[in-house]
């Protein structure tokens, strides 16, 4: 089962963005050539097809999360809703800091940057498909459509 373990490691690297899909496919093909076992090949196909790390459906809605991101995103509400508290707290703190320093003009720049960031996040959540990182909550569970 060393092939399966190696493939899981490469899949984790793909999911984290270290490997591209093409690099992953090359590594996968090399690993599968090492094994002629059909049962193992079927198992490998199942592992790579399932991009939901936990295999559990979230009770969170992607539509709610996306709309919160678009309309209240600068407060980090959508990330708090999804359980991504560190990101939500970062957005909230940057927004507060931006408003506190708005008198120095730099604050407006911070506010605009955060607003663009959260608007794009909201759109990405709304258009996400199953299997993408934008279709997962903070615990790795697949969002409801």
N, C-alpha and C. Protein backbone atom coordinates (compact mmCIF):
# COMPACT_ATOMS: atom_id res chain seq x y z
N UNK A 1 0.81 -1.20 0.00
CA UNK A 1 0.00 0.00 0.00
C UNK A 1 0.86 1.27 0.00
N UNK A 2 2.16 1.14 -0.20
CA UNK A 2 3.04 2.30 -0.24
C UNK A 2 2.66 3.22 -1.40
N UNK A 3 2.17 2.65 -2.49
CA UNK A 3 1.75 3.46 -3.64
C UNK A 3 0.59 4.36 -3.26
N UNK A 4 -0.35 3.81 -2.52
CA UNK A 4 -1.51 4.60 -2.09
C UNK A 4 -1.08 5.73 -1.17
N UNK A 5 -0.18 5.43 -0.24
CA UNK A 5 0.32 6.46 0.67
C UNK A 5 1.03 7.57 -0.08
N UNK A 6 1.85 7.18 -1.06
CA UNK A 6 2.56 8.18 -1.87
C UNK A 6 1.56 9.03 -2.65
N UNK A 7 0.53 8.39 -3.19
CA UNK A 7 -0.46 9.12 -3.96
C UNK A 7 -1.22 10.10 -3.07
N UNK A 8 -1.54 9.70 -1.85
CA UNK A 8 -2.21 10.61 -0.91
C UNK A 8 -1.34 11.82 -0.62
N UNK A 9 -0.04 11.61 -0.49
CA UNK A 9 0.87 12.73 -0.24
C UNK A 9 0.87 13.70 -1.43
N UNK A 10 0.92 13.14 -2.65
CA UNK A 10 0.88 14.00 -3.83
C UNK A 10 -0.46 14.72 -3.94
N UNK A 11 -1.56 14.06 -3.57
CA UNK A 11 -2.88 14.68 -3.61
C UNK A 11 -2.95 15.84 -2.63
N UNK A 12 -2.37 15.67 -1.44
CA UNK A 12 -2.32 16.76 -0.47
C UNK A 12 -1.52 17.93 -1.02
N UNK A 13 -0.42 17.64 -1.70
CA UNK A 13 0.38 18.72 -2.31
C UNK A 13 -0.41 19.42 -3.41
N UNK A 14 -1.20 18.67 -4.17
CA UNK A 14 -2.05 19.27 -5.20
C UNK A 14 -3.09 20.17 -4.56
N UNK A 15 -3.76 19.67 -3.52
CA UNK A 15 -4.81 20.45 -2.85
C UNK A 15 -4.27 21.71 -2.21
N UNK A 16 -3.03 21.67 -1.74
CA UNK A 16 -2.46 22.86 -1.11
C UNK A 16 -1.83 23.81 -2.12
N UNK A 17 -1.79 23.42 -3.39
CA UNK A 17 -1.29 24.32 -4.43
C UNK A 17 0.19 24.19 -4.70
N UNK A 18 0.87 23.26 -4.05
CA UNK A 18 2.31 23.07 -4.27
C UNK A 18 2.55 22.45 -5.63
N UNK A 19 1.70 21.47 -6.01
CA UNK A 19 1.79 20.83 -7.32
C UNK A 19 0.67 21.33 -8.22
N UNK A 20 0.95 21.39 -9.51
CA UNK A 20 -0.11 21.68 -10.48
C UNK A 20 -0.82 20.37 -10.82
N UNK A 21 -1.96 20.48 -11.48
CA UNK A 21 -2.71 19.29 -11.88
C UNK A 21 -1.88 18.43 -12.82
N UNK A 22 -1.11 19.06 -13.73
CA UNK A 22 -0.29 18.32 -14.67
C UNK A 22 0.81 17.54 -13.94
N UNK A 23 1.46 18.19 -12.97
CA UNK A 23 2.51 17.51 -12.20
C UNK A 23 1.93 16.33 -11.42
N UNK A 24 0.74 16.54 -10.85
CA UNK A 24 0.09 15.47 -10.11
C UNK A 24 -0.23 14.29 -11.03
N UNK A 25 -0.74 14.58 -12.23
CA UNK A 25 -1.09 13.52 -13.17
C UNK A 25 0.14 12.71 -13.58
N UNK A 26 1.28 13.38 -13.76
CA UNK A 26 2.52 12.68 -14.11
C UNK A 26 2.94 11.75 -12.97
N UNK A 27 2.92 12.27 -11.74
CA UNK A 27 3.30 11.46 -10.58
C UNK A 27 2.33 10.28 -10.40
N UNK A 28 1.05 10.54 -10.62
CA UNK A 28 0.04 9.49 -10.49
C UNK A 28 0.30 8.38 -11.51
N UNK A 29 0.59 8.77 -12.75
CA UNK A 29 0.86 7.79 -13.80
C UNK A 29 2.09 6.96 -13.46
N UNK A 30 3.14 7.60 -12.93
CA UNK A 30 4.34 6.87 -12.53
C UNK A 30 4.03 5.86 -11.42
N UNK A 31 3.25 6.29 -10.45
CA UNK A 31 2.92 5.39 -9.34
C UNK A 31 2.05 4.22 -9.81
N UNK A 32 1.12 4.50 -10.72
CA UNK A 32 0.25 3.43 -11.19
C UNK A 32 0.99 2.43 -12.06
N UNK A 33 2.04 2.88 -12.74
CA UNK A 33 2.85 1.96 -13.54
C UNK A 33 3.59 0.97 -12.64
N UNK A 34 3.86 1.39 -11.41
CA UNK A 34 4.55 0.52 -10.46
C UNK A 34 3.65 -0.63 -10.00
N UNK A 35 2.35 -0.43 -10.15
CA UNK A 35 1.42 -1.45 -9.65
C UNK A 35 0.47 -1.89 -10.76
N UNK A 36 0.33 -3.19 -10.94
CA UNK A 36 -0.60 -3.72 -11.94
C UNK A 36 -1.88 -4.22 -11.29
N UNK A 37 -2.06 -3.98 -10.04
CA UNK A 37 -3.20 -4.49 -9.30
C UNK A 37 -4.45 -3.65 -9.61
N UNK A 38 -5.48 -4.25 -10.24
CA UNK A 38 -6.69 -3.53 -10.58
C UNK A 38 -7.44 -3.00 -9.37
N UNK A 39 -7.43 -3.76 -8.28
CA UNK A 39 -8.10 -3.30 -7.06
C UNK A 39 -7.45 -2.02 -6.56
N UNK A 40 -6.13 -2.01 -6.57
CA UNK A 40 -5.41 -0.83 -6.14
C UNK A 40 -5.69 0.34 -7.07
N UNK A 41 -5.71 0.12 -8.37
CA UNK A 41 -6.00 1.19 -9.32
C UNK A 41 -7.39 1.78 -9.10
N UNK A 42 -8.38 0.91 -8.83
CA UNK A 42 -9.73 1.41 -8.55
C UNK A 42 -9.76 2.24 -7.28
N UNK A 43 -9.05 1.76 -6.26
CA UNK A 43 -8.97 2.51 -5.01
C UNK A 43 -8.32 3.87 -5.23
N UNK A 44 -7.26 3.91 -6.01
CA UNK A 44 -6.57 5.16 -6.30
C UNK A 44 -7.51 6.12 -7.03
N UNK A 45 -8.29 5.62 -7.97
CA UNK A 45 -9.24 6.48 -8.68
C UNK A 45 -10.26 7.08 -7.71
N UNK A 46 -10.73 6.27 -6.76
CA UNK A 46 -11.69 6.76 -5.77
C UNK A 46 -11.07 7.83 -4.88
N UNK A 47 -9.81 7.63 -4.47
CA UNK A 47 -9.14 8.59 -3.60
C UNK A 47 -8.96 9.92 -4.32
N UNK A 48 -8.53 9.89 -5.57
CA UNK A 48 -8.27 11.14 -6.28
C UNK A 48 -9.55 11.82 -6.74
N UNK A 49 -10.62 11.09 -6.95
CA UNK A 49 -11.88 11.70 -7.37
C UNK A 49 -12.57 12.42 -6.23
N UNK A 50 -12.33 11.98 -5.00
CA UNK A 50 -13.00 12.58 -3.85
C UNK A 50 -12.13 13.70 -3.29
N UNK A 51 -12.49 14.93 -3.58
CA UNK A 51 -11.70 16.05 -3.10
C UNK A 51 -12.22 16.59 -1.78
N UNK A 52 -13.29 16.02 -1.27
CA UNK A 52 -13.82 16.43 0.02
C UNK A 52 -13.02 15.70 1.10
N UNK A 53 -12.16 16.43 1.83
CA UNK A 53 -11.26 15.77 2.77
C UNK A 53 -11.98 14.98 3.87
N UNK A 54 -13.10 15.47 4.37
CA UNK A 54 -13.76 14.79 5.47
C UNK A 54 -14.84 13.84 5.00
N UNK A 55 -15.34 14.02 3.79
CA UNK A 55 -16.43 13.19 3.31
C UNK A 55 -17.76 13.54 3.93
N UNK A 56 -17.84 14.66 4.64
CA UNK A 56 -19.05 15.07 5.34
C UNK A 56 -19.61 16.33 4.69
N UNK A 57 -20.93 16.38 4.61
CA UNK A 57 -21.58 17.59 4.10
C UNK A 57 -21.73 18.59 5.24
N UNK A 58 -21.45 19.84 4.94
CA UNK A 58 -21.61 20.91 5.91
C UNK A 58 -23.07 21.32 5.99
N UNK A 59 -23.45 21.90 7.10
CA UNK A 59 -24.80 22.46 7.20
C UNK A 59 -24.81 23.93 6.77
N UNK A 60 -23.68 24.39 6.23
CA UNK A 60 -23.56 25.78 5.77
C UNK A 60 -23.90 25.87 4.28
N UNK A 61 -24.49 26.98 3.90
CA UNK A 61 -24.90 27.19 2.51
C UNK A 61 -23.88 28.06 1.79
N UNK A 62 -23.54 27.66 0.56
CA UNK A 62 -22.59 28.46 -0.21
C UNK A 62 -23.24 29.78 -0.64
N UNK A 63 -24.54 29.80 -0.84
CA UNK A 63 -25.22 31.03 -1.25
C UNK A 63 -25.19 32.05 -0.11
N UNK A 64 -25.50 31.60 1.10
CA UNK A 64 -25.44 32.49 2.26
C UNK A 64 -24.01 33.01 2.45
N UNK A 65 -23.03 32.11 2.38
CA UNK A 65 -21.63 32.51 2.57
C UNK A 65 -21.20 33.51 1.50
N UNK A 66 -21.57 33.25 0.24
CA UNK A 66 -21.20 34.16 -0.84
C UNK A 66 -21.82 35.53 -0.70
N UNK A 67 -23.10 35.57 -0.36
CA UNK A 67 -23.79 36.86 -0.20
C UNK A 67 -23.26 37.62 1.02
N UNK A 68 -22.97 36.91 2.10
CA UNK A 68 -22.35 37.57 3.25
C UNK A 68 -20.99 38.16 2.87
N UNK A 69 -20.24 37.43 2.04
CA UNK A 69 -18.94 37.92 1.58
C UNK A 69 -19.06 39.17 0.74
N UNK A 70 -20.07 39.21 -0.12
CA UNK A 70 -20.24 40.37 -1.00
C UNK A 70 -20.72 41.59 -0.22
N UNK A 71 -21.70 41.40 0.68
CA UNK A 71 -22.34 42.54 1.32
C UNK A 71 -21.78 42.89 2.70
N UNK A 72 -21.27 41.93 3.46
CA UNK A 72 -20.74 42.20 4.79
C UNK A 72 -19.32 41.66 4.96
N UNK A 73 -18.68 41.41 3.84
CA UNK A 73 -17.37 40.76 3.86
C UNK A 73 -16.29 41.52 4.57
N UNK A 74 -16.32 42.84 4.53
CA UNK A 74 -15.24 43.60 5.15
C UNK A 74 -15.22 43.39 6.67
N UNK A 75 -16.31 42.90 7.22
CA UNK A 75 -16.34 42.57 8.64
C UNK A 75 -15.96 41.11 8.89
N UNK A 76 -15.68 40.37 7.82
CA UNK A 76 -15.26 38.98 7.93
C UNK A 76 -16.41 38.03 8.25
N UNK A 77 -17.65 38.51 8.14
CA UNK A 77 -18.82 37.73 8.54
C UNK A 77 -18.88 36.39 7.82
N UNK A 78 -18.62 36.38 6.52
CA UNK A 78 -18.72 35.13 5.76
C UNK A 78 -17.71 34.09 6.24
N UNK A 79 -16.53 34.54 6.61
CA UNK A 79 -15.52 33.59 7.10
C UNK A 79 -15.85 33.10 8.51
N UNK A 80 -16.42 33.95 9.35
CA UNK A 80 -16.89 33.49 10.65
C UNK A 80 -18.00 32.46 10.46
N UNK A 81 -18.89 32.72 9.52
CA UNK A 81 -19.99 31.80 9.22
C UNK A 81 -19.46 30.43 8.79
N UNK A 82 -18.39 30.43 8.00
CA UNK A 82 -17.82 29.17 7.49
C UNK A 82 -16.87 28.50 8.47
N UNK A 83 -16.58 29.15 9.59
CA UNK A 83 -15.67 28.57 10.56
C UNK A 83 -14.21 28.89 10.30
N UNK A 84 -13.96 29.85 9.43
CA UNK A 84 -12.59 30.27 9.12
C UNK A 84 -12.29 31.53 9.93
N UNK A 85 -12.14 31.35 11.23
CA UNK A 85 -12.08 32.50 12.14
C UNK A 85 -10.82 33.34 11.98
N UNK A 86 -9.69 32.73 11.68
CA UNK A 86 -8.45 33.50 11.54
C UNK A 86 -8.56 34.48 10.37
N UNK A 87 -9.09 34.02 9.25
CA UNK A 87 -9.25 34.88 8.09
C UNK A 87 -10.30 35.97 8.37
N UNK A 88 -11.39 35.57 9.01
CA UNK A 88 -12.44 36.54 9.35
C UNK A 88 -11.93 37.61 10.30
N UNK A 89 -11.16 37.20 11.29
CA UNK A 89 -10.60 38.15 12.23
C UNK A 89 -9.60 39.09 11.55
N UNK A 90 -8.82 38.57 10.63
CA UNK A 90 -7.88 39.41 9.87
C UNK A 90 -8.63 40.48 9.09
N UNK A 91 -9.71 40.09 8.41
CA UNK A 91 -10.49 41.05 7.64
C UNK A 91 -11.13 42.10 8.55
N UNK A 92 -11.66 41.67 9.68
CA UNK A 92 -12.28 42.60 10.62
C UNK A 92 -11.27 43.58 11.18
N UNK A 93 -10.11 43.09 11.59
CA UNK A 93 -9.07 43.96 12.15
C UNK A 93 -8.56 44.95 11.11
N UNK A 94 -8.34 44.48 9.88
CA UNK A 94 -7.88 45.39 8.83
C UNK A 94 -8.92 46.47 8.53
N UNK A 95 -10.19 46.10 8.54
CA UNK A 95 -11.23 47.09 8.29
C UNK A 95 -11.28 48.12 9.41
N UNK A 96 -11.23 47.68 10.65
CA UNK A 96 -11.23 48.61 11.79
C UNK A 96 -10.01 49.51 11.73
N UNK A 97 -8.84 48.93 11.47
CA UNK A 97 -7.62 49.72 11.36
C UNK A 97 -7.72 50.72 10.21
N UNK A 98 -8.32 50.30 9.11
CA UNK A 98 -8.50 51.20 7.98
C UNK A 98 -9.37 52.40 8.33
N UNK A 99 -10.47 52.15 9.04
CA UNK A 99 -11.34 53.26 9.43
C UNK A 99 -10.67 54.16 10.46
N UNK A 100 -9.88 53.59 11.36
CA UNK A 100 -9.18 54.40 12.36
C UNK A 100 -8.09 55.26 11.74
N UNK A 101 -7.51 54.81 10.65
CA UNK A 101 -6.43 55.57 10.00
C UNK A 101 -6.92 56.28 8.73
N UNK A 102 -8.21 56.33 8.52
CA UNK A 102 -8.75 56.98 7.32
C UNK A 102 -8.38 58.45 7.26
N UNK A 103 -8.18 59.06 8.39
CA UNK A 103 -7.80 60.48 8.42
C UNK A 103 -6.44 60.70 7.76
N UNK A 104 -5.62 59.65 7.70
CA UNK A 104 -4.29 59.75 7.10
C UNK A 104 -4.25 59.24 5.67
N UNK A 105 -5.36 59.07 5.05
CA UNK A 105 -5.53 58.62 3.66
C UNK A 105 -5.16 57.14 3.48
N UNK A 106 -4.13 56.66 4.15
CA UNK A 106 -3.72 55.26 3.99
C UNK A 106 -4.85 54.32 4.41
N UNK A 107 -5.66 54.76 5.35
CA UNK A 107 -6.77 53.95 5.82
C UNK A 107 -7.75 53.63 4.71
N UNK A 108 -7.99 54.61 3.83
CA UNK A 108 -8.90 54.37 2.71
C UNK A 108 -8.34 53.29 1.77
N UNK A 109 -7.04 53.30 1.59
CA UNK A 109 -6.40 52.28 0.75
C UNK A 109 -6.60 50.89 1.36
N UNK A 110 -6.41 50.79 2.67
CA UNK A 110 -6.61 49.51 3.36
C UNK A 110 -8.06 49.05 3.20
N UNK A 111 -9.00 49.97 3.39
CA UNK A 111 -10.42 49.64 3.27
C UNK A 111 -10.74 49.15 1.86
N UNK A 112 -10.22 49.82 0.85
CA UNK A 112 -10.48 49.43 -0.54
C UNK A 112 -9.88 48.06 -0.82
N UNK A 113 -8.69 47.80 -0.35
CA UNK A 113 -8.05 46.50 -0.57
C UNK A 113 -8.87 45.39 0.08
N UNK A 114 -9.30 45.58 1.32
CA UNK A 114 -10.11 44.57 2.00
C UNK A 114 -11.43 44.37 1.27
N UNK A 115 -12.05 45.47 0.82
CA UNK A 115 -13.33 45.35 0.11
C UNK A 115 -13.18 44.56 -1.19
N UNK A 116 -12.11 44.79 -1.92
CA UNK A 116 -11.86 44.02 -3.15
C UNK A 116 -11.63 42.55 -2.81
N UNK A 117 -10.83 42.30 -1.78
CA UNK A 117 -10.52 40.94 -1.33
C UNK A 117 -11.79 40.17 -0.99
N UNK A 118 -12.65 40.76 -0.17
CA UNK A 118 -13.84 40.03 0.28
C UNK A 118 -14.88 39.91 -0.83
N UNK A 119 -14.95 40.89 -1.73
CA UNK A 119 -15.88 40.80 -2.85
C UNK A 119 -15.49 39.62 -3.75
N UNK A 120 -14.21 39.50 -4.04
CA UNK A 120 -13.72 38.38 -4.86
C UNK A 120 -13.97 37.06 -4.15
N UNK A 121 -13.73 37.00 -2.84
CA UNK A 121 -14.02 35.78 -2.08
C UNK A 121 -15.49 35.40 -2.18
N UNK A 122 -16.38 36.39 -2.04
CA UNK A 122 -17.81 36.13 -2.14
C UNK A 122 -18.19 35.57 -3.49
N UNK A 123 -17.65 36.16 -4.55
CA UNK A 123 -17.94 35.68 -5.91
C UNK A 123 -17.40 34.25 -6.09
N UNK A 124 -16.17 34.00 -5.63
CA UNK A 124 -15.58 32.67 -5.76
C UNK A 124 -16.39 31.62 -5.02
N UNK A 125 -16.92 31.97 -3.87
CA UNK A 125 -17.76 31.04 -3.12
C UNK A 125 -19.05 30.76 -3.90
N UNK A 126 -19.66 31.81 -4.44
CA UNK A 126 -20.92 31.65 -5.16
C UNK A 126 -20.78 30.79 -6.41
N UNK A 127 -19.67 30.93 -7.12
CA UNK A 127 -19.50 30.19 -8.38
C UNK A 127 -18.76 28.87 -8.20
N UNK A 128 -18.42 28.55 -6.96
CA UNK A 128 -17.64 27.33 -6.71
C UNK A 128 -18.43 26.07 -7.02
N UNK A 129 -17.70 25.06 -7.43
CA UNK A 129 -18.26 23.73 -7.68
C UNK A 129 -17.73 22.77 -6.64
N UNK A 130 -18.43 21.66 -6.50
CA UNK A 130 -17.95 20.63 -5.57
C UNK A 130 -16.52 20.25 -5.95
N UNK A 131 -15.70 20.11 -4.94
CA UNK A 131 -14.33 19.72 -5.17
C UNK A 131 -13.35 20.88 -5.14
N UNK A 132 -13.83 22.11 -5.26
CA UNK A 132 -12.91 23.24 -5.21
C UNK A 132 -12.73 23.69 -3.76
N UNK A 133 -11.63 24.37 -3.48
CA UNK A 133 -11.37 24.80 -2.11
C UNK A 133 -12.37 25.86 -1.65
N UNK A 134 -13.02 26.53 -2.58
CA UNK A 134 -14.01 27.55 -2.23
C UNK A 134 -15.35 26.94 -1.87
N UNK A 135 -15.52 25.65 -2.08
CA UNK A 135 -16.77 24.95 -1.80
C UNK A 135 -16.68 24.18 -0.48
N UNK A 136 -15.69 24.52 0.37
CA UNK A 136 -15.49 23.85 1.66
C UNK A 136 -15.62 24.86 2.79
N UNK A 137 -16.14 24.38 3.93
CA UNK A 137 -16.16 25.26 5.09
C UNK A 137 -14.81 25.17 5.80
N UNK A 138 -14.69 25.80 6.94
CA UNK A 138 -13.42 25.85 7.66
C UNK A 138 -12.97 24.52 8.22
N UNK A 139 -13.85 23.51 8.21
CA UNK A 139 -13.51 22.20 8.73
C UNK A 139 -13.30 21.17 7.63
N UNK A 140 -13.32 21.63 6.36
CA UNK A 140 -13.10 20.74 5.23
C UNK A 140 -14.34 20.02 4.77
N UNK A 141 -15.50 20.45 5.23
CA UNK A 141 -16.77 19.83 4.83
C UNK A 141 -17.35 20.55 3.61
N UNK A 142 -17.94 19.79 2.72
CA UNK A 142 -18.52 20.31 1.47
C UNK A 142 -19.75 21.17 1.79
N UNK A 143 -19.79 22.39 1.21
CA UNK A 143 -20.94 23.28 1.42
C UNK A 143 -22.17 22.79 0.68
N UNK A 144 -23.33 23.15 1.18
CA UNK A 144 -24.59 22.86 0.48
C UNK A 144 -24.80 23.90 -0.61
N UNK A 145 -25.36 23.47 -1.73
CA UNK A 145 -25.60 24.40 -2.84
C UNK A 145 -26.86 25.19 -2.62
